[in-house]
Amino acid sequence: NKWEIACLCFYRGQERKLRDMLQRFCSQPQKISHFSKGNALIYLYTVDRFQGHEADLVFLSMVQTQRIGFLDSPNRLNVAITRARYQLVIVGNHDYFLTQKKCEELKQLAEQSFVIRNTR
């Protein structure tokens, strides 16, 4: 069986950048949202378009650091963090979400998250 991996983000601009990266990574320049690499099927969608679907592993891109934007919607956040069957990996600025005051759910998510710092 192939692993199903979803790369999810909140914004179309992020989706375009991730698509470019996945097209290169998978050597599939014509693909839009369904990629394959080795023993994995990789799906790329915005959170809104992935509602109602699941994947074994979900990478959730939360790179917003200037304003909360779409991330302040508890319903949208709930959809985002409940799509993984086995593992959810959240990529974002932990300190920003931990200290922001606009959305209590984001702050709680940051407080409960395990953090791996970028060592570049």
Protein backbone atom coordinates (compact mmCIF):
# COMPACT_ATOMS: atom_id res chain seq x y z
CA ASN A 1 0.00 0.00 0.00
CA LYS A 2 1.09 3.55 -0.70
CA TRP A 3 1.22 6.18 1.99
CA GLU A 4 -1.11 9.14 1.48
CA ILE A 5 0.50 12.45 2.33
CA ALA A 6 -1.30 15.79 2.27
CA CYS A 7 0.45 19.14 2.10
CA LEU A 8 -2.09 21.70 3.27
CA CYS A 9 -1.94 25.46 3.53
CA PHE A 10 -4.38 28.29 4.10
CA TYR A 11 -3.58 30.53 1.15
CA ARG A 12 -3.40 30.08 -2.62
CA GLY A 13 -0.08 31.92 -2.79
CA GLN A 14 1.43 29.32 -0.47
CA GLU A 15 -0.20 26.59 -2.53
CA ARG A 16 1.51 27.91 -5.71
CA LYS A 17 4.92 27.96 -4.03
CA LEU A 18 4.45 24.48 -2.62
CA ARG A 19 3.28 23.24 -6.04
CA ASP A 20 6.49 24.50 -7.64
CA MET A 21 8.54 22.72 -4.99
CA LEU A 22 6.60 19.46 -5.30
CA GLN A 23 6.81 19.52 -9.10
CA ARG A 24 10.60 19.69 -8.81
CA PHE A 25 10.87 17.22 -5.91
CA CYS A 26 8.70 14.62 -7.65
CA SER A 27 10.02 15.37 -11.17
CA GLN A 28 6.42 15.90 -12.29
CA PRO A 29 6.30 19.42 -13.77
CA GLN A 30 2.79 19.04 -15.22
CA LYS A 31 1.08 17.93 -12.01
CA ILE A 32 -1.17 20.33 -10.11
CA SER A 33 -2.41 18.67 -6.91
CA HIS A 34 -1.64 14.91 -7.08
CA PHE A 35 1.99 13.83 -7.03
CA SER A 36 3.80 10.55 -6.44
CA LYS A 37 7.25 9.82 -5.12
CA GLY A 38 8.44 6.32 -4.23
CA ASN A 39 5.82 4.67 -2.05
CA ALA A 40 3.85 7.88 -1.45
CA LEU A 41 0.90 9.66 -3.00
CA ILE A 42 1.18 13.37 -2.23
CA TYR A 43 -1.81 15.71 -2.34
CA LEU A 44 -1.53 19.49 -2.33
CA TYR A 45 -4.58 21.54 -1.35
CA THR A 46 -5.73 24.52 0.61
CA VAL A 47 -7.37 23.58 3.90
CA ASP A 48 -10.78 24.62 2.58
CA ARG A 49 -10.54 22.35 -0.47
CA PHE A 50 -9.35 19.37 1.59
CA GLN A 51 -12.35 19.49 3.94
CA GLY A 52 -13.97 16.06 4.15
CA HIS A 53 -10.76 14.24 3.15
CA GLU A 54 -8.01 12.54 5.15
CA ALA A 55 -4.44 11.43 4.62
CA ASP A 56 -2.08 9.21 6.59
CA LEU A 57 0.37 12.05 7.13
CA VAL A 58 -0.47 15.75 6.92
CA PHE A 59 2.00 18.61 6.66
CA LEU A 60 0.18 21.82 7.57
CA SER A 61 1.88 25.04 6.50
CA MET A 62 1.10 27.90 8.88
CA VAL A 63 3.75 30.37 7.81
CA GLN A 64 1.70 33.51 8.43
CA THR A 65 3.68 35.93 10.62
CA GLN A 66 2.30 39.37 9.75
CA ARG A 67 -1.38 38.93 10.59
CA ILE A 68 -3.61 36.04 11.65
CA GLY A 69 -5.91 36.29 8.61
CA PHE A 70 -7.78 33.05 7.84
CA LEU A 71 -6.11 31.34 10.79
CA ASP A 72 -8.43 33.04 13.30
CA SER A 73 -11.40 30.91 12.23
CA PRO A 74 -11.90 28.08 14.76
CA ASN A 75 -13.84 26.05 12.17
CA ARG A 76 -11.09 26.38 9.56
CA LEU A 77 -8.43 25.57 12.16
CA ASN A 78 -10.41 22.50 13.28
CA VAL A 79 -10.58 21.23 9.69
CA ALA A 80 -6.83 21.81 9.31
CA ILE A 81 -5.73 19.87 12.38
CA THR A 82 -8.13 16.93 12.01
CA ARG A 83 -7.21 15.68 8.52
CA ALA A 84 -4.39 13.30 9.55
CA ARG A 85 -5.05 9.62 10.18
CA TYR A 86 -1.70 8.99 11.89
CA GLN A 87 0.53 12.05 12.05
CA LEU A 88 0.16 15.83 11.80
CA VAL A 89 3.24 18.02 11.27
CA ILE A 90 2.68 21.75 11.63
CA VAL A 91 5.22 24.06 10.00
CA GLY A 92 5.19 27.65 11.17
CA ASN A 93 6.56 30.26 13.53
CA HIS A 94 5.88 28.79 16.97
CA ASP A 95 6.80 31.96 18.89
CA TYR A 96 4.47 34.10 16.77
CA PHE A 97 1.46 31.85 17.47
CA LEU A 98 2.38 31.44 21.11
CA THR A 99 2.41 35.21 21.73
CA GLN A 100 -0.42 36.41 19.48
CA LYS A 101 -3.58 37.59 21.25
CA LYS A 102 -6.25 37.45 18.58
CA CYS A 103 -7.09 33.72 18.49
CA GLU A 104 -7.05 31.67 21.69
CA GLU A 105 -7.20 28.41 19.71
CA LEU A 106 -3.94 29.19 17.90
CA LYS A 107 -2.25 30.05 21.17
CA GLN A 108 -3.46 26.77 22.75
CA LEU A 109 -2.24 24.81 19.72
CA ALA A 110 1.20 26.44 20.04
CA GLU A 111 1.29 25.69 23.79
CA GLN A 112 0.60 22.00 23.13
CA SER A 113 3.03 21.63 20.22
CA PHE A 114 6.41 19.97 20.18
CA VAL A 115 8.95 22.32 18.64
CA ILE A 116 11.92 21.56 16.44
CA ARG A 117 13.84 24.74 15.75
CA ASN A 118 15.41 25.50 12.39
CA THR A 119 19.15 25.37 12.93
CA ARG A 120 20.24 27.22 9.78
